[in-house]
């Protein structure tokens, strides 16, 4: 189960928090499985990564956890919010899209 559960403007959010030093994101197989299963059941979750050396932020949808675990923050998915306010704006935009699309799972086929 992710680190944070929140409801923001009526949208439920699960957020996995990670801090990295390079590009690799260490997600346990159980964490990846949780995010994928949650997505397949119609849920929405996020993986928020902070790189300590440059304080860069990276935001991924949880259903992309397998790619994040294998490719790290260099994978072509997700967003690069400038600050914490932008993180929440990005999550809100994804949440609105997700919940207005009748709980369709994320990924290329859903867009």
Protein backbone atom coordinates (compact mmCIF):
# COMPACT_ATOMS: atom_id res chain seq x y z
CA UNK A 1 0.00 0.00 0.00
CA UNK A 2 1.39 3.46 -0.89
CA UNK A 3 2.70 5.93 1.68
CA UNK A 4 -0.04 8.56 1.40
CA UNK A 5 -3.80 8.51 0.94
CA UNK A 6 -5.50 11.85 0.41
CA UNK A 7 -8.67 13.34 -0.98
CA UNK A 8 -8.07 16.61 -2.77
CA UNK A 9 -11.00 18.56 -4.23
CA UNK A 10 -13.04 15.37 -4.04
CA UNK A 11 -10.48 13.21 -5.87
CA UNK A 12 -8.99 10.24 -4.00
CA UNK A 13 -5.22 9.94 -4.38
CA UNK A 14 -2.79 7.19 -3.39
CA UNK A 15 0.81 8.38 -3.53
CA UNK A 16 4.01 6.34 -3.29
CA UNK A 17 6.93 8.54 -2.18
CA UNK A 18 10.51 7.84 -3.28
CA UNK A 19 13.82 9.70 -2.89
CA UNK A 20 16.64 8.83 -5.25
CA UNK A 21 20.25 9.92 -5.77
CA UNK A 22 20.65 8.97 -9.46
CA UNK A 23 17.99 7.90 -11.95
CA UNK A 24 17.00 4.49 -10.55
CA UNK A 25 13.74 4.23 -8.61
CA UNK A 26 13.69 1.32 -6.17
CA UNK A 27 10.21 -0.11 -6.21
CA UNK A 28 9.66 -3.52 -4.64
CA UNK A 29 7.84 -6.06 -6.84
CA UNK A 30 4.96 -5.94 -4.34
CA UNK A 31 4.68 -2.17 -4.76
CA UNK A 32 4.58 -2.46 -8.55
CA UNK A 33 1.98 -5.23 -8.28
CA UNK A 34 -0.20 -3.14 -5.93
CA UNK A 35 -0.22 -0.16 -8.29
CA UNK A 36 -1.03 -2.30 -11.33
CA UNK A 37 -3.79 -4.22 -9.54
CA UNK A 38 -5.24 -0.98 -8.18
CA UNK A 39 -5.30 0.49 -11.69
CA UNK A 40 -6.89 -2.61 -13.21
CA UNK A 41 -9.62 -2.36 -10.57
CA UNK A 42 -10.33 1.22 -11.71
CA UNK A 43 -8.29 3.04 -9.08
CA UNK A 44 -5.76 5.79 -9.51
CA UNK A 45 -2.39 6.08 -7.79
CA UNK A 46 0.85 7.99 -8.27
CA UNK A 47 4.56 7.57 -7.70
CA UNK A 48 6.21 10.83 -6.67
CA UNK A 49 10.00 10.79 -6.90
CA UNK A 50 12.42 13.42 -5.61
CA UNK A 51 16.02 13.33 -6.77
CA UNK A 52 18.12 14.55 -3.84
CA UNK A 53 21.12 15.91 -5.76
CA UNK A 54 19.18 18.47 -7.82
CA UNK A 55 15.85 18.41 -5.97
CA UNK A 56 14.12 17.43 -9.22
CA UNK A 57 10.56 16.11 -8.98
CA UNK A 58 9.10 13.35 -11.13
CA UNK A 59 5.45 12.26 -11.08
CA UNK A 60 4.22 8.99 -12.57
CA UNK A 61 0.88 7.24 -12.60
CA UNK A 62 1.03 4.08 -10.52
CA UNK A 63 -0.01 1.87 -13.42
CA UNK A 64 3.34 2.78 -15.01
CA UNK A 65 5.22 1.38 -12.00
CA UNK A 66 6.78 -1.47 -13.97
CA UNK A 67 8.44 1.00 -16.38
CA UNK A 68 9.49 3.29 -13.54
CA UNK A 69 11.05 0.35 -11.68
CA UNK A 70 12.97 -0.86 -14.74
CA UNK A 71 13.90 2.45 -16.43
CA UNK A 72 13.91 4.88 -13.51
CA UNK A 73 13.12 8.54 -13.99
CA UNK A 74 14.56 8.43 -17.51
CA UNK A 75 11.48 6.60 -18.82
CA UNK A 76 9.29 8.67 -21.18
CA UNK A 77 6.26 8.56 -18.90
CA UNK A 78 5.05 10.97 -16.26
CA UNK A 79 5.66 14.65 -15.71
CA UNK A 80 8.44 16.84 -14.34
CA UNK A 81 6.64 19.33 -12.08
CA UNK A 82 8.63 22.41 -11.10
CA UNK A 83 7.53 22.44 -7.46
CA UNK A 84 5.12 20.87 -5.00
CA UNK A 85 2.24 23.08 -6.13
CA UNK A 86 2.74 21.84 -9.68
CA UNK A 87 2.76 18.23 -8.41
CA UNK A 88 -0.74 18.67 -7.04
CA UNK A 89 -1.93 20.46 -10.16
CA UNK A 90 -0.62 17.57 -12.28
CA UNK A 91 -2.30 15.01 -10.00
CA UNK A 92 -5.55 16.94 -10.16
CA UNK A 93 -5.46 17.08 -13.98
CA UNK A 94 -4.82 13.34 -14.22
CA UNK A 95 -7.54 12.66 -11.63
CA UNK A 96 -10.11 14.71 -13.53
CA UNK A 97 -9.24 12.91 -16.78
CA UNK A 98 -9.28 9.52 -15.04
CA UNK A 99 -12.56 9.89 -13.17
CA UNK A 100 -14.34 11.55 -16.09
CA UNK A 101 -13.38 8.63 -18.36
CA UNK A 102 -15.48 6.15 -16.37
CA UNK A 103 -12.52 4.68 -14.48
CA UNK A 104 -10.62 3.55 -17.57
CA UNK A 105 -7.08 2.40 -16.76
CA UNK A 106 -4.23 4.70 -17.72
CA UNK A 107 -1.71 4.07 -20.43
CA UNK A 108 -1.59 4.60 -24.17
CA UNK A 109 -4.76 2.60 -24.92
CA UNK A 110 -6.82 4.73 -22.53
CA UNK A 111 -5.86 8.12 -23.96
